Amino acid sequence: MNFLQSLPIPLQTVLLLVASNVFMTFAWYGHLKNLVTSPWYTAALVSWGIALFEYLLQVPANRIGFTQFNVGQLKIMQEVITLAVFVPFAVFYMGQPLKWDYLWAGLCLVGAVYFIFRGA
């Protein structure tokens, strides 16, 4: 963690949020591929186990980030990161087709980023 603390706070925040999002994406959607034949409660327990690691990264990310960003900025940052992590996951891991809708959703998020950060 000493390496992380030597980085600027915005970069610490983004890196922790990206890492937490990878765990979150696998917790929410990975069971659809890996545990498809398992009962739903097995998938839920496995997902909760994965989500623990997401929270162990996400909570510090937001606490660190809140020293320089407001809560709205943190939320929009999280949404942008979520889409940036989800699209490669959906395409490469889940084998879903790449859709133009991902691009349009990303452009909408660019607008959200503009409006939430324009006063900063």
N, C-alpha and C. Protein backbone atom coordinates (compact mmCIF):
# COMPACT_ATOMS: atom_id res chain seq x y z
N MET A 1 0.81 -1.19 0.00
CA MET A 1 0.00 0.00 0.00
C MET A 1 0.86 1.27 0.00
N ASN A 2 2.13 1.17 0.41
CA ASN A 2 2.98 2.36 0.41
C ASN A 2 3.15 2.93 -0.99
N PHE A 3 3.24 2.04 -2.00
CA PHE A 3 3.34 2.51 -3.37
C PHE A 3 2.12 3.33 -3.75
N LEU A 4 0.95 2.85 -3.38
CA LEU A 4 -0.29 3.53 -3.70
C LEU A 4 -0.35 4.91 -3.05
N GLN A 5 0.11 4.99 -1.82
CA GLN A 5 0.08 6.27 -1.09
C GLN A 5 1.02 7.30 -1.67
N SER A 6 2.00 6.87 -2.45
CA SER A 6 2.93 7.82 -3.06
C SER A 6 2.35 8.45 -4.32
N LEU A 7 1.23 7.92 -4.81
CA LEU A 7 0.60 8.45 -6.02
C LEU A 7 -0.34 9.61 -5.67
N PRO A 8 -0.62 10.48 -6.64
CA PRO A 8 -1.59 11.55 -6.39
C PRO A 8 -2.96 10.97 -6.03
N ILE A 9 -3.70 11.67 -5.21
CA ILE A 9 -4.99 11.18 -4.72
C ILE A 9 -5.96 10.83 -5.84
N PRO A 10 -6.08 11.66 -6.90
CA PRO A 10 -7.00 11.25 -7.97
C PRO A 10 -6.60 9.90 -8.60
N LEU A 11 -5.31 9.66 -8.77
CA LEU A 11 -4.85 8.40 -9.35
C LEU A 11 -5.09 7.24 -8.38
N GLN A 12 -4.84 7.45 -7.10
CA GLN A 12 -5.14 6.42 -6.10
C GLN A 12 -6.62 6.03 -6.18
N THR A 13 -7.47 7.05 -6.25
CA THR A 13 -8.91 6.82 -6.31
C THR A 13 -9.29 6.01 -7.53
N VAL A 14 -8.81 6.41 -8.69
CA VAL A 14 -9.15 5.73 -9.93
C VAL A 14 -8.64 4.29 -9.92
N LEU A 15 -7.40 4.08 -9.51
CA LEU A 15 -6.85 2.72 -9.50
C LEU A 15 -7.62 1.79 -8.57
N LEU A 16 -7.96 2.29 -7.39
CA LEU A 16 -8.74 1.47 -6.45
C LEU A 16 -10.14 1.20 -6.99
N LEU A 17 -10.75 2.20 -7.62
CA LEU A 17 -12.08 2.00 -8.18
C LEU A 17 -12.05 1.02 -9.35
N VAL A 18 -11.03 1.07 -10.18
CA VAL A 18 -10.91 0.11 -11.28
C VAL A 18 -10.77 -1.30 -10.72
N ALA A 19 -9.89 -1.48 -9.75
CA ALA A 19 -9.69 -2.81 -9.16
C ALA A 19 -10.98 -3.30 -8.50
N SER A 20 -11.66 -2.43 -7.77
CA SER A 20 -12.90 -2.85 -7.12
C SER A 20 -13.96 -3.21 -8.15
N ASN A 21 -13.96 -2.49 -9.26
CA ASN A 21 -14.94 -2.76 -10.31
C ASN A 21 -14.71 -4.10 -10.99
N VAL A 22 -13.47 -4.51 -11.11
CA VAL A 22 -13.19 -5.83 -11.68
C VAL A 22 -13.83 -6.90 -10.79
N PHE A 23 -13.63 -6.79 -9.48
CA PHE A 23 -14.25 -7.73 -8.56
C PHE A 23 -15.77 -7.66 -8.63
N MET A 24 -16.31 -6.43 -8.67
CA MET A 24 -17.76 -6.26 -8.70
C MET A 24 -18.36 -6.90 -9.95
N THR A 25 -17.71 -6.69 -11.08
CA THR A 25 -18.23 -7.24 -12.33
C THR A 25 -18.24 -8.76 -12.29
N PHE A 26 -17.17 -9.36 -11.78
CA PHE A 26 -17.15 -10.82 -11.65
C PHE A 26 -18.19 -11.29 -10.63
N ALA A 27 -18.38 -10.54 -9.54
CA ALA A 27 -19.37 -10.94 -8.54
C ALA A 27 -20.78 -10.88 -9.13
N TRP A 28 -21.07 -9.86 -9.90
CA TRP A 28 -22.43 -9.67 -10.42
C TRP A 28 -22.72 -10.56 -11.62
N TYR A 29 -21.73 -10.78 -12.48
CA TYR A 29 -22.01 -11.44 -13.75
C TYR A 29 -21.21 -12.72 -14.02
N GLY A 30 -20.11 -12.93 -13.33
CA GLY A 30 -19.27 -14.10 -13.58
C GLY A 30 -19.99 -15.41 -13.35
N HIS A 31 -20.92 -15.43 -12.40
CA HIS A 31 -21.66 -16.67 -12.11
C HIS A 31 -22.54 -17.09 -13.28
N LEU A 32 -22.88 -16.15 -14.16
CA LEU A 32 -23.70 -16.50 -15.31
C LEU A 32 -22.97 -17.43 -16.27
N LYS A 33 -21.66 -17.40 -16.21
CA LYS A 33 -20.85 -18.29 -17.05
C LYS A 33 -20.34 -19.48 -16.25
N ASN A 34 -19.84 -19.23 -15.06
CA ASN A 34 -19.15 -20.27 -14.30
C ASN A 34 -20.04 -21.14 -13.43
N LEU A 35 -21.15 -20.61 -13.00
CA LEU A 35 -22.00 -21.35 -12.06
C LEU A 35 -23.41 -21.56 -12.62
N VAL A 36 -23.50 -21.64 -13.92
CA VAL A 36 -24.81 -21.70 -14.58
C VAL A 36 -25.62 -22.93 -14.16
N THR A 37 -24.96 -24.02 -13.81
CA THR A 37 -25.68 -25.22 -13.41
C THR A 37 -25.83 -25.34 -11.89
N SER A 38 -25.26 -24.41 -11.16
CA SER A 38 -25.36 -24.43 -9.70
C SER A 38 -26.65 -23.76 -9.24
N PRO A 39 -27.12 -24.12 -8.05
CA PRO A 39 -28.31 -23.44 -7.52
C PRO A 39 -28.02 -21.95 -7.31
N TRP A 40 -29.06 -21.14 -7.34
CA TRP A 40 -28.88 -19.70 -7.24
C TRP A 40 -28.20 -19.31 -5.92
N TYR A 41 -28.49 -20.03 -4.83
CA TYR A 41 -27.90 -19.67 -3.54
C TYR A 41 -26.39 -19.94 -3.53
N THR A 42 -25.93 -20.91 -4.28
CA THR A 42 -24.49 -21.13 -4.41
C THR A 42 -23.85 -19.95 -5.13
N ALA A 43 -24.49 -19.53 -6.23
CA ALA A 43 -23.99 -18.37 -6.97
C ALA A 43 -24.00 -17.12 -6.08
N ALA A 44 -25.04 -16.98 -5.26
CA ALA A 44 -25.13 -15.81 -4.38
C ALA A 44 -24.00 -15.83 -3.35
N LEU A 45 -23.73 -16.97 -2.76
CA LEU A 45 -22.66 -17.06 -1.76
C LEU A 45 -21.29 -16.80 -2.38
N VAL A 46 -21.05 -17.37 -3.55
CA VAL A 46 -19.78 -17.12 -4.24
C VAL A 46 -19.67 -15.64 -4.59
N SER A 47 -20.76 -15.07 -5.09
CA SER A 47 -20.76 -13.65 -5.45
C SER A 47 -20.50 -12.77 -4.24
N TRP A 48 -21.10 -13.10 -3.11
CA TRP A 48 -20.86 -12.33 -1.89
C TRP A 48 -19.39 -12.40 -1.48
N GLY A 49 -18.81 -13.59 -1.64
CA GLY A 49 -17.38 -13.74 -1.32
C GLY A 49 -16.51 -12.86 -2.20
N ILE A 50 -16.84 -12.81 -3.48
CA ILE A 50 -16.08 -11.95 -4.40
C ILE A 50 -16.34 -10.48 -4.08
N ALA A 51 -17.60 -10.16 -3.76
CA ALA A 51 -17.97 -8.77 -3.48
C ALA A 51 -17.26 -8.22 -2.24
N LEU A 52 -16.90 -9.09 -1.32
CA LEU A 52 -16.15 -8.64 -0.15
C LEU A 52 -14.87 -7.93 -0.59
N PHE A 53 -14.17 -8.51 -1.57
CA PHE A 53 -12.93 -7.90 -2.05
C PHE A 53 -13.22 -6.58 -2.77
N GLU A 54 -14.36 -6.53 -3.44
CA GLU A 54 -14.75 -5.27 -4.08
C GLU A 54 -14.91 -4.17 -3.03
N TYR A 55 -15.58 -4.48 -1.95
CA TYR A 55 -15.80 -3.49 -0.90
C TYR A 55 -14.50 -3.12 -0.19
N LEU A 56 -13.59 -4.07 -0.06
CA LEU A 56 -12.31 -3.77 0.59
C LEU A 56 -11.48 -2.78 -0.23
N LEU A 57 -11.80 -2.63 -1.50
CA LEU A 57 -11.12 -1.66 -2.37
C LEU A 57 -11.98 -0.41 -2.59
N GLN A 58 -13.28 -0.60 -2.72
CA GLN A 58 -14.17 0.51 -3.03
C GLN A 58 -14.32 1.49 -1.87
N VAL A 59 -14.43 0.98 -0.66
CA VAL A 59 -14.59 1.87 0.49
C VAL A 59 -13.36 2.76 0.67
N PRO A 60 -12.14 2.22 0.67
CA PRO A 60 -10.98 3.12 0.75
C PRO A 60 -10.89 4.07 -0.44
N ALA A 61 -11.26 3.61 -1.63
CA ALA A 61 -11.22 4.48 -2.81
C ALA A 61 -12.11 5.70 -2.60
N ASN A 62 -13.32 5.48 -2.10
CA ASN A 62 -14.22 6.61 -1.88
C ASN A 62 -13.77 7.49 -0.72
N ARG A 63 -13.21 6.89 0.31
CA ARG A 63 -12.72 7.69 1.44
C ARG A 63 -11.54 8.57 1.01
N ILE A 64 -10.63 7.97 0.23
CA ILE A 64 -9.49 8.73 -0.27
C ILE A 64 -9.97 9.79 -1.25
N GLY A 65 -10.81 9.39 -2.19
CA GLY A 65 -11.30 10.31 -3.21
C GLY A 65 -12.10 11.46 -2.65
N PHE A 66 -12.82 11.23 -1.56
CA PHE A 66 -13.68 12.27 -0.97
C PHE A 66 -12.87 13.44 -0.42
N THR A 67 -11.56 13.25 -0.28
CA THR A 67 -10.72 14.37 0.16
C THR A 67 -10.52 15.39 -0.95
N GLN A 68 -10.77 14.99 -2.22
CA GLN A 68 -10.61 15.93 -3.34
C GLN A 68 -11.82 16.02 -4.25
N PHE A 69 -12.73 15.08 -4.15
CA PHE A 69 -13.91 15.07 -5.01
C PHE A 69 -15.16 15.09 -4.15
N ASN A 70 -16.25 15.62 -4.71
CA ASN A 70 -17.52 15.52 -3.99
C ASN A 70 -18.17 14.19 -4.32
N VAL A 71 -19.24 13.89 -3.62
CA VAL A 71 -19.86 12.57 -3.76
C VAL A 71 -20.43 12.37 -5.17
N GLY A 72 -20.94 13.41 -5.79
CA GLY A 72 -21.44 13.29 -7.15
C GLY A 72 -20.34 12.97 -8.14
N GLN A 73 -19.20 13.61 -7.97
CA GLN A 73 -18.06 13.33 -8.83
C GLN A 73 -17.56 11.90 -8.66
N LEU A 74 -17.53 11.44 -7.41
CA LEU A 74 -17.13 10.05 -7.16
C LEU A 74 -18.09 9.07 -7.83
N LYS A 75 -19.38 9.37 -7.77
CA LYS A 75 -20.38 8.47 -8.35
C LYS A 75 -20.25 8.42 -9.88
N ILE A 76 -20.11 9.57 -10.51
CA ILE A 76 -19.97 9.59 -11.97
C ILE A 76 -18.67 8.91 -12.39
N MET A 77 -17.59 9.14 -11.63
CA MET A 77 -16.33 8.46 -11.90
C MET A 77 -16.53 6.95 -11.85
N GLN A 78 -17.26 6.49 -10.84
CA GLN A 78 -17.54 5.07 -10.69
C GLN A 78 -18.31 4.54 -11.89
N GLU A 79 -19.28 5.28 -12.38
CA GLU A 79 -20.09 4.82 -13.51
C GLU A 79 -19.26 4.72 -14.79
N VAL A 80 -18.38 5.67 -15.00
CA VAL A 80 -17.50 5.63 -16.17
C VAL A 80 -16.58 4.40 -16.08
N ILE A 81 -16.02 4.18 -14.91
CA ILE A 81 -15.14 3.03 -14.70
C ILE A 81 -15.93 1.73 -14.87
N THR A 82 -17.16 1.71 -14.38
CA THR A 82 -17.99 0.51 -14.52
C THR A 82 -18.17 0.14 -15.98
N LEU A 83 -18.49 1.10 -16.82
CA LEU A 83 -18.66 0.81 -18.24
C LEU A 83 -17.34 0.40 -18.88
N ALA A 84 -16.25 1.06 -18.49
CA ALA A 84 -14.94 0.75 -19.06
C ALA A 84 -14.49 -0.67 -18.68
N VAL A 85 -14.89 -1.14 -17.52
CA VAL A 85 -14.55 -2.51 -17.10
C VAL A 85 -15.55 -3.51 -17.68
N PHE A 86 -16.83 -3.13 -17.70
CA PHE A 86 -17.86 -4.06 -18.13
C PHE A 86 -17.77 -4.44 -19.60
N VAL A 87 -17.50 -3.48 -20.46
CA VAL A 87 -17.50 -3.78 -21.90
C VAL A 87 -16.45 -4.85 -22.26
N PRO A 88 -15.18 -4.69 -21.86
CA PRO A 88 -14.24 -5.79 -22.17
C PRO A 88 -14.63 -7.11 -21.49
N PHE A 89 -15.17 -7.05 -20.29
CA PHE A 89 -15.63 -8.26 -19.61
C PHE A 89 -16.72 -8.95 -20.42
N ALA A 90 -17.71 -8.18 -20.87
CA ALA A 90 -18.83 -8.74 -21.62
C ALA A 90 -18.36 -9.34 -22.94
N VAL A 91 -17.45 -8.65 -23.60
CA VAL A 91 -17.01 -9.09 -24.92
C VAL A 91 -16.03 -10.25 -24.82
N PHE A 92 -14.99 -10.10 -24.02
CA PHE A 92 -13.91 -11.09 -23.99
C PHE A 92 -14.17 -12.26 -23.05
N TYR A 93 -14.78 -12.01 -21.91
CA TYR A 93 -15.00 -13.09 -20.94
C TYR A 93 -16.33 -13.79 -21.16
N MET A 94 -17.37 -13.00 -21.38
CA MET A 94 -18.70 -13.58 -21.54
C MET A 94 -19.04 -13.91 -23.00
N GLY A 95 -18.19 -13.47 -23.93
CA GLY A 95 -18.41 -13.79 -25.33
C GLY A 95 -19.58 -13.07 -25.97
N GLN A 96 -19.95 -11.93 -25.42
CA GLN A 96 -21.05 -11.14 -25.97
C GLN A 96 -20.55 -10.30 -27.14
N PRO A 97 -21.42 -10.01 -28.10
CA PRO A 97 -20.99 -9.18 -29.22
C PRO A 97 -20.78 -7.73 -28.78
N LEU A 98 -19.80 -7.09 -29.39
CA LEU A 98 -19.57 -5.66 -29.14
C LEU A 98 -20.68 -4.90 -29.85
N LYS A 99 -21.36 -4.03 -29.13
CA LYS A 99 -22.50 -3.31 -29.69
C LYS A 99 -22.24 -1.82 -29.71
N TRP A 100 -22.86 -1.17 -30.69
CA TRP A 100 -22.78 0.29 -30.76
C TRP A 100 -23.40 0.92 -29.51
N ASP A 101 -24.31 0.25 -28.87
CA ASP A 101 -24.96 0.79 -27.68
C ASP A 101 -23.95 1.10 -26.58
N TYR A 102 -22.86 0.33 -26.52
CA TYR A 102 -21.82 0.62 -25.53
C TYR A 102 -21.18 1.98 -25.82
N LEU A 103 -20.94 2.26 -27.07
CA LEU A 103 -20.39 3.56 -27.46
C LEU A 103 -21.35 4.68 -27.10
N TRP A 104 -22.63 4.52 -27.41
CA TRP A 104 -23.61 5.57 -27.12
C TRP A 104 -23.72 5.77 -25.60
N ALA A 105 -23.71 4.68 -24.85
CA ALA A 105 -23.75 4.81 -23.39
C ALA A 105 -22.52 5.55 -22.89
N GLY A 106 -21.36 5.23 -23.48
CA GLY A 106 -20.13 5.93 -23.10
C GLY A 106 -20.20 7.41 -23.41
N LEU A 107 -20.78 7.76 -24.53
CA LEU A 107 -20.93 9.19 -24.88
C LEU A 107 -21.86 9.90 -23.90
N CYS A 108 -22.90 9.22 -23.47
CA CYS A 108 -23.77 9.80 -22.45
C CYS A 108 -23.00 10.05 -21.16
N LEU A 109 -22.12 9.12 -20.81
CA LEU A 109 -21.31 9.29 -19.61
C LEU A 109 -20.31 10.43 -19.76
N VAL A 110 -19.82 10.66 -20.98
CA VAL A 110 -18.94 11.81 -21.22
C VAL A 110 -19.70 13.09 -20.88
N GLY A 111 -20.97 13.15 -21.27
CA GLY A 111 -21.79 14.30 -20.91
C GLY A 111 -21.96 14.41 -19.40
N ALA A 112 -22.18 13.29 -18.73
CA ALA A 112 -22.31 13.30 -17.27
C ALA A 112 -21.03 13.79 -16.62
N VAL A 113 -19.89 13.34 -17.13
CA VAL A 113 -18.60 13.79 -16.59
C VAL A 113 -18.47 15.30 -16.77
N TYR A 114 -18.81 15.78 -17.93
CA TYR A 114 -18.72 17.23 -18.19
C TYR A 114 -19.55 18.01 -17.16
N PHE A 115 -20.80 17.62 -17.01
CA PHE A 115 -21.67 18.39 -16.12
C PHE A 115 -21.28 18.29 -14.66
N ILE A 116 -20.81 17.15 -14.21
CA ILE A 116 -20.48 16.98 -12.79
C ILE A 116 -19.14 17.62 -12.44
N PHE A 117 -18.23 17.71 -13.43
CA PHE A 117 -16.91 18.28 -13.15
C PHE A 117 -16.75 19.71 -13.64
N ARG A 118 -17.71 20.29 -14.35
CA ARG A 118 -17.53 21.61 -14.94
C ARG A 118 -17.33 22.71 -13.92
N GLY A 119 -17.85 22.57 -12.73
CA GLY A 119 -17.67 23.59 -11.72
C GLY A 119 -16.44 23.38 -10.86
N ALA A 120 -15.74 22.28 -11.10
CA ALA A 120 -14.59 21.94 -10.25
C ALA A 120 -13.37 22.76 -10.57
